[in-house]
Protein backbone atom coordinates (compact mmCIF):
# COMPACT_ATOMS: atom_id res chain seq x y z
CA MET A 1 34.36 -24.40 63.86
CA ALA A 2 35.65 -22.13 66.61
CA ILE A 3 39.40 -22.26 67.10
CA GLU A 4 41.05 -22.84 70.47
CA SER A 5 44.64 -22.23 69.35
CA MET A 6 46.46 -20.82 66.33
CA GLU A 7 47.71 -24.23 65.25
CA ASN A 8 46.38 -24.81 61.71
CA ALA A 9 43.93 -21.93 62.20
CA PHE A 10 44.44 -20.75 58.61
CA CYS A 11 44.93 -24.16 57.02
CA LEU A 12 42.44 -25.06 54.29
CA LYS A 13 43.74 -28.54 53.57
CA GLY A 14 40.88 -30.85 52.60
CA LYS A 15 38.54 -27.93 51.83
CA THR A 16 37.16 -27.26 48.36
CA ALA A 17 36.68 -23.70 47.14
CA VAL A 18 34.87 -22.35 44.10
CA VAL A 19 36.14 -19.00 42.81
CA THR A 20 34.19 -17.22 40.09
CA GLY A 21 36.39 -15.30 37.68
CA GLY A 22 39.28 -17.06 39.38
CA ALA A 23 41.78 -17.12 36.52
CA LYS A 24 42.60 -13.42 36.17
CA GLY A 25 43.34 -10.34 38.27
CA ILE A 26 41.91 -10.32 41.78
CA GLY A 27 40.31 -13.71 41.19
CA LEU A 28 43.65 -15.26 40.34
CA GLY A 29 45.18 -13.76 43.48
CA ILE A 30 42.40 -15.36 45.51
CA SER A 31 42.67 -18.74 43.75
CA THR A 32 46.43 -18.73 44.30
CA ALA A 33 46.18 -17.87 48.00
CA LEU A 34 43.58 -20.60 48.57
CA ALA A 35 45.69 -23.19 46.72
CA GLN A 36 48.81 -22.20 48.66
CA SER A 37 46.83 -22.64 51.89
CA GLY A 38 45.93 -26.21 51.00
CA ALA A 39 42.50 -25.88 49.41
CA ASN A 40 41.24 -27.67 46.35
CA VAL A 41 40.18 -24.97 43.90
CA ALA A 42 37.50 -25.01 41.19
CA ILE A 43 37.32 -21.99 38.92
CA PHE A 44 34.03 -20.85 37.36
CA ALA A 45 34.74 -18.58 34.39
CA ARG A 46 34.04 -18.05 30.68
CA ASP A 47 37.62 -17.81 29.36
CA GLU A 48 38.58 -21.45 28.94
CA LYS A 49 42.16 -20.75 27.82
CA SER A 50 43.02 -18.71 30.92
CA CYS A 51 41.42 -21.35 33.13
CA GLU A 52 43.33 -24.17 31.46
CA ASP A 53 46.61 -22.33 31.98
CA VAL A 54 45.91 -21.63 35.66
CA VAL A 55 44.76 -25.18 36.42
CA LYS A 56 47.85 -26.60 34.70
CA GLU A 57 50.14 -24.31 36.72
CA PHE A 58 48.38 -25.13 40.00
CA ARG A 59 48.68 -28.86 39.38
CA GLU A 60 52.41 -28.46 38.86
CA LYS A 61 52.98 -26.24 41.93
CA TYR A 62 50.55 -27.24 44.66
CA ASP A 63 49.09 -30.27 46.36
CA GLY A 64 45.37 -30.59 45.88
CA THR A 65 42.79 -31.00 43.15
CA PHE A 66 42.17 -28.23 40.64
CA ALA A 67 39.60 -27.86 37.86
CA TYR A 68 37.58 -25.31 35.94
CA TYR A 69 33.99 -25.17 34.74
CA ARG A 70 32.98 -22.91 31.88
CA THR A 71 30.35 -20.76 33.55
CA ASP A 72 28.43 -17.62 32.65
CA ILE A 73 27.08 -16.33 35.96
CA THR A 74 24.33 -14.38 34.15
CA ASP A 75 22.88 -17.68 32.86
CA HIS A 76 20.92 -19.36 35.66
CA GLN A 77 20.78 -22.83 34.06
CA ASN A 78 24.51 -22.69 33.32
CA CYS A 79 25.10 -21.92 37.01
CA VAL A 80 22.85 -24.82 38.07
CA ASP A 81 24.77 -27.18 35.78
CA SER A 82 28.21 -26.00 36.96
CA VAL A 83 27.26 -26.28 40.63
CA ALA A 84 25.96 -29.82 40.08
CA ALA A 85 29.12 -30.74 38.18
CA VAL A 86 31.57 -29.45 40.80
CA ILE A 87 29.68 -31.16 43.63
CA ARG A 88 29.67 -34.37 41.62
CA ASP A 89 33.40 -34.15 40.88
CA PHE A 90 34.64 -33.01 44.30
CA GLY A 91 32.03 -34.67 46.51
CA SER A 92 31.19 -31.42 48.27
CA VAL A 93 32.15 -27.73 48.32
CA ASP A 94 33.05 -25.75 51.45
CA ILE A 95 33.87 -22.25 50.22
CA LEU A 96 32.32 -19.96 47.60
CA VAL A 97 34.10 -16.79 46.47
CA ASN A 98 31.91 -14.56 44.30
CA ASN A 99 34.58 -12.58 42.48
CA ALA A 100 33.42 -12.39 38.85
CA GLY A 101 32.21 -8.99 37.77
CA ILE A 102 32.31 -6.30 35.12
CA GLY A 103 33.45 -2.71 35.50
CA THR A 104 30.75 -0.71 33.74
CA VAL A 105 31.89 2.87 33.11
CA GLY A 106 29.55 5.77 32.44
CA SER A 107 27.18 8.17 34.14
CA LEU A 108 23.46 7.43 34.30
CA LEU A 109 22.45 10.22 31.92
CA ASP A 110 24.88 8.99 29.26
CA MET A 111 23.46 5.45 29.18
CA GLU A 112 21.30 4.00 26.43
CA GLU A 113 17.55 4.66 26.25
CA ASP A 114 16.83 1.16 27.57
CA LEU A 115 19.55 1.42 30.27
CA ALA A 116 21.13 -1.77 28.90
CA SER A 117 24.49 -1.03 30.54
CA TRP A 118 22.85 -0.59 33.94
CA PHE A 119 20.99 -3.89 33.80
CA GLU A 120 23.98 -5.77 32.36
CA CYS A 121 26.13 -4.59 35.27
CA PHE A 122 23.55 -5.57 37.88
CA ASP A 123 22.94 -8.95 36.27
CA THR A 124 26.63 -9.76 36.59
CA ASP A 125 27.89 -7.92 39.67
CA LEU A 126 24.82 -8.46 41.87
CA HIS A 127 22.51 -11.12 40.43
CA GLY A 128 25.35 -13.43 39.39
CA ALA A 129 26.57 -13.51 42.99
CA VAL A 130 23.01 -14.02 44.27
CA ARG A 131 22.49 -16.98 41.93
CA LEU A 132 25.54 -18.77 43.25
CA CYS A 133 24.84 -17.83 46.87
CA TYR A 134 21.41 -19.43 46.49
CA LEU A 135 22.71 -22.61 44.88
CA PHE A 136 25.71 -23.15 47.16
CA ALA A 137 23.97 -22.07 50.37
CA ARG A 138 21.40 -24.83 49.79
CA HIS A 139 24.29 -27.27 49.35
CA PHE A 140 26.02 -26.01 52.52
CA ARG A 141 22.77 -26.32 54.46
CA ASP A 142 21.92 -29.77 53.13
CA THR A 143 25.34 -31.28 53.88
CA GLY A 144 24.95 -30.23 57.51
CA LYS A 145 28.57 -28.99 57.51
CA GLY A 146 27.89 -25.34 56.75
CA GLY A 147 30.24 -23.32 54.59
CA ARG A 148 31.81 -19.97 53.80
CA ILE A 149 30.66 -17.37 51.27
CA ILE A 150 32.95 -14.47 50.40
CA ASN A 151 31.59 -11.74 48.13
CA ILE A 152 34.11 -9.48 46.42
CA THR A 153 32.63 -5.99 46.25
CA SER A 154 34.45 -2.63 46.11
CA ASN A 155 35.13 0.44 48.19
CA ALA A 156 33.06 2.16 45.46
CA GLY A 157 30.06 0.51 47.12
CA GLU A 158 30.78 2.50 50.28
CA ILE A 159 32.06 5.87 49.04
CA VAL A 160 31.54 8.02 45.95
CA ASN A 161 35.00 8.02 44.42
CA SER A 162 33.93 8.69 40.82
CA PRO A 163 30.80 10.07 39.09
CA PHE A 164 31.40 7.76 36.12
CA ILE A 165 30.87 4.30 37.62
CA THR A 166 27.25 4.74 38.68
CA ALA A 167 25.98 1.25 37.82
CA TYR A 168 29.09 -0.50 39.14
CA ALA A 169 29.10 1.39 42.45
CA SER A 170 25.37 0.85 42.95
CA ALA A 171 25.61 -2.88 42.24
CA LYS A 172 28.50 -3.26 44.67
CA ALA A 173 26.62 -1.30 47.35
CA ALA A 174 23.67 -3.65 46.90
CA LEU A 175 25.97 -6.67 47.17
CA ASN A 176 27.43 -5.27 50.40
CA HIS A 177 23.99 -5.09 51.99
CA PHE A 178 22.92 -8.43 50.54
CA THR A 179 25.98 -9.86 52.30
CA ARG A 180 24.79 -8.50 55.64
CA VAL A 181 21.19 -9.66 55.21
CA ILE A 182 22.02 -13.15 53.97
CA ALA A 183 24.63 -13.55 56.74
CA ALA A 184 21.86 -13.23 59.32
CA GLU A 185 19.60 -15.63 57.41
CA LEU A 186 22.25 -18.33 57.01
CA ALA A 187 24.02 -18.14 60.39
CA PRO A 188 21.82 -20.88 61.95
CA TYR A 189 23.11 -23.28 59.29
CA ASN A 190 26.76 -22.62 60.20
CA ILE A 191 27.21 -20.64 57.00
CA ARG A 192 29.36 -17.53 57.34
CA VAL A 193 28.94 -14.75 54.77
CA ASN A 194 31.35 -11.83 54.49
CA ALA A 195 32.52 -9.38 51.84
CA ILE A 196 35.86 -7.94 50.81
CA ALA A 197 35.76 -4.41 49.39
CA PRO A 198 39.02 -3.68 47.53
CA GLY A 199 40.16 -0.30 46.36
CA PHE A 200 42.63 0.31 43.53
CA THR A 201 44.14 -3.09 42.80
CA HIS A 202 46.47 -4.33 40.07
CA SER A 203 44.04 -6.18 37.79
CA ASN A 204 42.65 -6.37 34.27
CA PHE A 205 40.71 -3.17 34.96
CA THR A 206 43.84 -1.16 35.78
CA LYS A 207 46.57 -2.64 33.58
CA ASN A 208 46.05 -0.06 30.81
CA ILE A 209 46.26 3.01 33.05
CA PRO A 210 49.05 5.29 31.72
CA PRO A 211 52.09 5.58 34.04
CA GLU A 212 51.50 9.25 34.78
CA ALA A 213 47.88 8.56 35.72
CA MET A 214 48.97 5.62 37.88
CA GLU A 215 51.46 7.86 39.70
CA ALA A 216 48.76 10.45 40.37
CA LEU A 217 46.35 7.83 41.68
CA CYS A 218 48.99 6.35 43.98
CA LYS A 219 49.57 9.77 45.51
CA ASP A 220 45.91 9.75 46.51
CA VAL A 221 46.29 6.45 48.41
CA PRO A 222 47.71 6.85 51.94
CA ILE A 223 50.00 3.82 51.64
CA GLY A 224 51.22 5.16 48.30
CA ARG A 225 50.49 2.17 46.07
CA PHE A 226 47.85 -0.10 44.56
CA ILE A 227 46.88 -3.37 46.26
CA ASN A 228 48.32 -6.64 44.95
CA PRO A 229 45.78 -9.40 44.15
CA ILE A 230 47.52 -11.85 46.49
CA GLU A 231 46.78 -9.42 49.35
CA ILE A 232 43.08 -9.74 48.59
CA GLY A 233 43.70 -13.49 48.52
CA ALA A 234 45.27 -13.41 51.98
CA LEU A 235 42.14 -11.80 53.39
CA ALA A 236 39.99 -14.37 51.58
CA VAL A 237 42.02 -17.16 53.22
CA TYR A 238 41.25 -15.68 56.64
CA LEU A 239 37.53 -15.51 55.86
CA ALA A 240 37.58 -19.06 54.48
CA SER A 241 39.41 -20.48 57.49
CA ASP A 242 38.33 -21.51 60.99
CA ALA A 243 40.08 -18.40 62.32
CA SER A 244 37.12 -16.26 61.19
CA ASP A 245 34.32 -18.45 62.56
CA ALA A 246 33.04 -15.64 64.80
CA MET A 247 32.81 -13.18 61.88
CA THR A 248 29.77 -12.94 59.64
CA GLY A 249 28.05 -10.07 57.86
CA ALA A 250 31.24 -8.02 57.72
CA VAL A 251 32.34 -5.87 54.78
CA LEU A 252 36.12 -5.58 55.04
CA THR A 253 37.66 -2.68 53.13
CA ILE A 254 41.20 -3.20 51.80
CA ASP A 255 42.15 -0.09 49.86
CA GLY A 256 45.37 1.25 51.36
CA GLY A 257 43.42 3.83 53.34
CA TYR A 258 41.86 5.50 50.28
CA ALA A 259 38.34 5.56 51.77
CA LEU A 260 39.61 7.36 54.86
CA GLN A 261 39.93 10.66 53.01
CA HIS A 262 37.20 10.38 50.39
């Protein structure tokens, strides 16, 4: 819905969002921002303990309905079952955030003979998002209300910032372009599709970086620091809200300016 004023432009009250991998790292930042903006939040993830803890905390802190569904996004039938369950429990879903992913490390020539690492990365980082886009886009279309899809990619899908994340960077680049193509396909159904491409962000992937290495990396980022997950969440709130109704097919980089000089 196009806005005519800023009043409640970013409010998500009454909306239901599904966030894959929404209990840790960037996903938790997104789930938190959505909950703080009034949305009901359903988390799709494999780690039940983390999900239980997050849902319990959200229920204590925020208004809204919160739940989790144990979901492996590489298992198509599991995805079908989780989507059916969340629609049954919440009545309908308005927002999908495809955040779950794996950070495969290694150059192509160092991979296994059967390229298992390559295909595992693509099946999670690209095909997992495609599975849920397919399932939820049909729901958004069939309700007649439309919806929002936000794919979390990476600035590594736009620039070559390391020779050792070949599969990861390639999968994210593919997800960036899938975002653009599917945005054009789904626009007539009032479904907006955009991507957020973070750079170095405080997350599970970066928590074990030694302090001296972290300091060196921060010097290579124009703003001088890593991104906080809640900052990714703030951008997700914009893309989920009525304020962004005129935006679709965009890949928004949030990396502190890192891509500007690489």
